[in-house]
Amino acid sequence: EPSNQQLLEDLRVMKPPPELVRRRFYFPDGIPDEYSWCLDPTVDIEHQRTTRRQGRQRMTIETWLAAIQREEAAGTGHLSDTGPDLPPPNQMSQTPCWCLICQRNYNIRDRRKLEQT
């Protein structure tokens, strides 16, 4: 949430357009096999499967667009591995963005936090 379709619509109106996309996904019951690619290979995999609840990806717009096409073609409804995450650009700005799109994403995050409590 939001969907890739919504994000593609957002991308068309963002000025300037973003340089990176960050996807976060949450699994309340642990990481399923289909997402084993997001586990850290340097840490006990089986332990992570049951204790880790989320995965993240940070990629260029081009990598994200290619991932969307690949995922739609696969038809599984699952996200795919996009390779190693990009480092945060200059550790990202310490000041949050308050554009309408980021504000919507902050609202989604805050709503999910409330739902979990």
C-alpha atoms as a PDB file:
ATOM      1  CA  GLU A   1       0.000   0.000   0.000  1.00  0.00           C
ATOM      2  CA  PRO A   2      -0.100   2.120  -2.031  1.00  0.00           C
ATOM      3  CA  SER A   3      -0.263  -0.105  -5.119  1.00  0.00           C
ATOM      4  CA  ASN A   4       2.254   0.033  -7.942  1.00  0.00           C
ATOM      5  CA  GLN A   5      -0.514   1.557 -10.090  1.00  0.00           C
ATOM      6  CA  GLN A   6      -1.025   4.390  -7.598  1.00  0.00           C
ATOM      7  CA  LEU A   7       2.725   4.962  -7.379  1.00  0.00           C
ATOM      8  CA  LEU A   8       3.008   5.086 -11.182  1.00  0.00           C
ATOM      9  CA  GLU A   9       0.269   7.747 -11.238  1.00  0.00           C
ATOM     10  CA  ASP A  10       2.097   9.653  -8.490  1.00  0.00           C
ATOM     11  CA  LEU A  11       5.341   9.440 -10.452  1.00  0.00           C
ATOM     12  CA  ARG A  12       3.735  11.264 -13.393  1.00  0.00           C
ATOM     13  CA  VAL A  13       2.920  14.325 -11.280  1.00  0.00           C
ATOM     14  CA  MET A  14       5.957  14.530  -8.991  1.00  0.00           C
ATOM     15  CA  LYS A  15       8.158  17.515  -9.770  1.00  0.00           C
ATOM     16  CA  PRO A  16      11.024  16.841  -9.655  1.00  0.00           C
ATOM     17  CA  PRO A  17      10.587  13.111 -10.156  1.00  0.00           C
ATOM     18  CA  PRO A  18      12.113  10.884  -7.488  1.00  0.00           C
ATOM     19  CA  GLU A  19      15.444   9.208  -8.083  1.00  0.00           C
ATOM     20  CA  LEU A  20      14.851   6.216  -5.812  1.00  0.00           C
ATOM     21  CA  VAL A  21      12.031   3.907  -4.816  1.00  0.00           C
ATOM     22  CA  ARG A  22      11.881   2.189  -1.470  1.00  0.00           C
ATOM     23  CA  ARG A  23       9.549  -0.741  -0.949  1.00  0.00           C
ATOM     24  CA  ARG A  24       8.777  -2.079   2.500  1.00  0.00           C
ATOM     25  CA  PHE A  25       6.811  -5.245   3.036  1.00  0.00           C
ATOM     26  CA  TYR A  26       5.505  -6.709   6.243  1.00  0.00           C
ATOM     27  CA  PHE A  27       4.823 -10.343   7.200  1.00  0.00           C
ATOM     28  CA  PRO A  28       3.186 -10.667  10.637  1.00  0.00           C
ATOM     29  CA  ASP A  29       3.858 -14.431  10.721  1.00  0.00           C
ATOM     30  CA  GLY A  30       7.487 -14.338   9.572  1.00  0.00           C
ATOM     31  CA  ILE A  31       9.197 -14.352   6.174  1.00  0.00           C
ATOM     32  CA  PRO A  32       7.669 -16.927   3.786  1.00  0.00           C
ATOM     33  CA  ASP A  33       9.796 -19.028   1.417  1.00  0.00           C
ATOM     34  CA  GLU A  34       8.815 -16.851  -1.560  1.00  0.00           C
ATOM     35  CA  TYR A  35      10.670 -13.970   0.076  1.00  0.00           C
ATOM     36  CA  SER A  36      13.739 -15.834   1.302  1.00  0.00           C
ATOM     37  CA  TRP A  37      15.806 -13.538  -0.927  1.00  0.00           C
ATOM     38  CA  CYS A  38      15.276 -10.726   1.611  1.00  0.00           C
ATOM     39  CA  LEU A  39      16.874 -12.668   4.469  1.00  0.00           C
ATOM     40  CA  ASP A  40      20.393 -11.810   5.608  1.00  0.00           C
ATOM     41  CA  PRO A  41      22.639 -14.747   4.609  1.00  0.00           C
ATOM     42  CA  THR A  42      25.104 -13.915   7.401  1.00  0.00           C
ATOM     43  CA  VAL A  43      22.503 -14.601  10.108  1.00  0.00           C
ATOM     44  CA  ASP A  44      20.716 -17.861  10.964  1.00  0.00           C
ATOM     45  CA  ILE A  45      18.140 -18.157   8.142  1.00  0.00           C
ATOM     46  CA  GLU A  46      15.666 -20.363  10.026  1.00  0.00           C
ATOM     47  CA  HIS A  47      15.694 -18.016  13.008  1.00  0.00           C
ATOM     48  CA  GLN A  48      15.047 -15.041  10.691  1.00  0.00           C
ATOM     49  CA  ARG A  49      12.140 -16.808   8.976  1.00  0.00           C
ATOM     50  CA  THR A  50      10.188 -16.897  12.226  1.00  0.00           C
ATOM     51  CA  THR A  51      11.383 -13.739  13.976  1.00  0.00           C
ATOM     52  CA  ARG A  52      11.863 -11.234  11.184  1.00  0.00           C
ATOM     53  CA  ARG A  53       8.685  -9.505  10.093  1.00  0.00           C
ATOM     54  CA  GLN A  54       9.687  -7.161   7.290  1.00  0.00           C
ATOM     55  CA  GLY A  55      11.793  -6.710   4.210  1.00  0.00           C
ATOM     56  CA  ARG A  56      12.932  -3.612   2.361  1.00  0.00           C
ATOM     57  CA  GLN A  57      14.217  -2.672  -1.043  1.00  0.00           C
ATOM     58  CA  ARG A  58      15.815   0.581  -2.218  1.00  0.00           C
ATOM     59  CA  MET A  59      16.346   0.909  -5.963  1.00  0.00           C
ATOM     60  CA  THR A  60      16.433   3.282  -8.911  1.00  0.00           C
ATOM     61  CA  ILE A  61      13.234   4.127 -10.764  1.00  0.00           C
ATOM     62  CA  GLU A  62      14.482   2.089 -13.735  1.00  0.00           C
ATOM     63  CA  THR A  63      15.057  -0.998 -11.556  1.00  0.00           C
ATOM     64  CA  TRP A  64      11.597  -0.582 -10.007  1.00  0.00           C
ATOM     65  CA  LEU A  65       9.891  -0.290 -13.413  1.00  0.00           C
ATOM     66  CA  ALA A  66      11.687  -3.441 -14.594  1.00  0.00           C
ATOM     67  CA  ALA A  67      10.667  -5.228 -11.370  1.00  0.00           C
ATOM     68  CA  ILE A  68       7.011  -4.277 -11.888  1.00  0.00           C
ATOM     69  CA  GLN A  69       7.073  -5.757 -15.403  1.00  0.00           C
ATOM     70  CA  ARG A  70       8.816  -8.924 -14.196  1.00  0.00           C
ATOM     71  CA  GLU A  71       6.385  -9.353 -11.300  1.00  0.00           C
ATOM     72  CA  GLU A  72       3.318  -8.834 -13.476  1.00  0.00           C
ATOM     73  CA  ALA A  73       4.666 -11.317 -16.051  1.00  0.00           C
ATOM     74  CA  ALA A  74       5.265 -13.919 -13.324  1.00  0.00           C
ATOM     75  CA  GLY A  75       1.625 -13.591 -12.251  1.00  0.00           C
ATOM     76  CA  THR A  76       2.269 -14.779  -8.686  1.00  0.00           C
ATOM     77  CA  GLY A  77       1.390 -11.541  -6.931  1.00  0.00           C
ATOM     78  CA  HIS A  78       4.780 -11.609  -5.191  1.00  0.00           C
ATOM     79  CA  LEU A  79       7.492  -8.974  -5.183  1.00  0.00           C
ATOM     80  CA  SER A  80      10.797 -10.029  -6.718  1.00  0.00           C
ATOM     81  CA  ASP A  81      14.427  -9.678  -5.762  1.00  0.00           C
ATOM     82  CA  THR A  82      15.845  -6.472  -7.230  1.00  0.00           C
ATOM     83  CA  GLY A  83      19.442  -7.076  -6.227  1.00  0.00           C
ATOM     84  CA  PRO A  84      21.429  -5.332  -3.513  1.00  0.00           C
ATOM     85  CA  ASP A  85      19.835  -2.278  -1.959  1.00  0.00           C
ATOM     86  CA  LEU A  86      21.224   1.080  -2.892  1.00  0.00           C
ATOM     87  CA  PRO A  87      22.682   3.060  -0.009  1.00  0.00           C
ATOM     88  CA  PRO A  88      20.600   5.979   1.211  1.00  0.00           C
ATOM     89  CA  PRO A  89      21.488   9.107  -0.743  1.00  0.00           C
ATOM     90  CA  ASN A  90      23.610  11.099   1.663  1.00  0.00           C
ATOM     91  CA  GLN A  91      21.789   9.246   4.464  1.00  0.00           C
ATOM     92  CA  MET A  92      18.650  10.878   3.070  1.00  0.00           C
ATOM     93  CA  SER A  93      17.661  14.293   4.275  1.00  0.00           C
ATOM     94  CA  GLN A  94      17.177  14.500   8.017  1.00  0.00           C
ATOM     95  CA  THR A  95      14.160  16.686   7.299  1.00  0.00           C
ATOM     96  CA  PRO A  96      11.086  14.706   6.199  1.00  0.00           C
ATOM     97  CA  CYS A  97       9.399  15.639   2.965  1.00  0.00           C
ATOM     98  CA  TRP A  98       5.876  17.003   3.372  1.00  0.00           C
ATOM     99  CA  CYS A  99       4.645  16.817  -0.210  1.00  0.00           C
ATOM    100  CA  LEU A 100       1.168  15.292  -0.650  1.00  0.00           C
ATOM    101  CA  ILE A 101       2.556  11.910  -1.671  1.00  0.00           C
ATOM    102  CA  CYS A 102       4.965  11.622   1.257  1.00  0.00           C
ATOM    103  CA  GLN A 103       2.273  12.883   3.616  1.00  0.00           C
ATOM    104  CA  ARG A 104      -0.034  10.100   2.406  1.00  0.00           C
ATOM    105  CA  ASN A 105       2.734   7.560   3.026  1.00  0.00           C
ATOM    106  CA  TYR A 106       3.330   8.927   6.540  1.00  0.00           C
ATOM    107  CA  ASN A 107      -0.413   8.601   7.195  1.00  0.00           C
ATOM    108  CA  ILE A 108      -0.360   4.969   6.020  1.00  0.00           C
ATOM    109  CA  ARG A 109       2.596   4.251   8.308  1.00  0.00           C
ATOM    110  CA  ASP A 110       0.920   5.905  11.276  1.00  0.00           C
ATOM    111  CA  ARG A 111      -2.371   4.084  10.657  1.00  0.00           C
ATOM    112  CA  ARG A 112      -0.559   0.741  10.564  1.00  0.00           C
ATOM    113  CA  LYS A 113       1.171   1.529  13.855  1.00  0.00           C
ATOM    114  CA  LEU A 114      -2.196   2.231  15.448  1.00  0.00           C
ATOM    115  CA  GLU A 115      -3.665  -0.995  14.036  1.00  0.00           C
ATOM    116  CA  GLN A 116      -0.834  -3.016  15.588  1.00  0.00           C
ATOM    117  CA  THR A 117      -1.444  -1.700  19.092  1.00  0.00           C
END
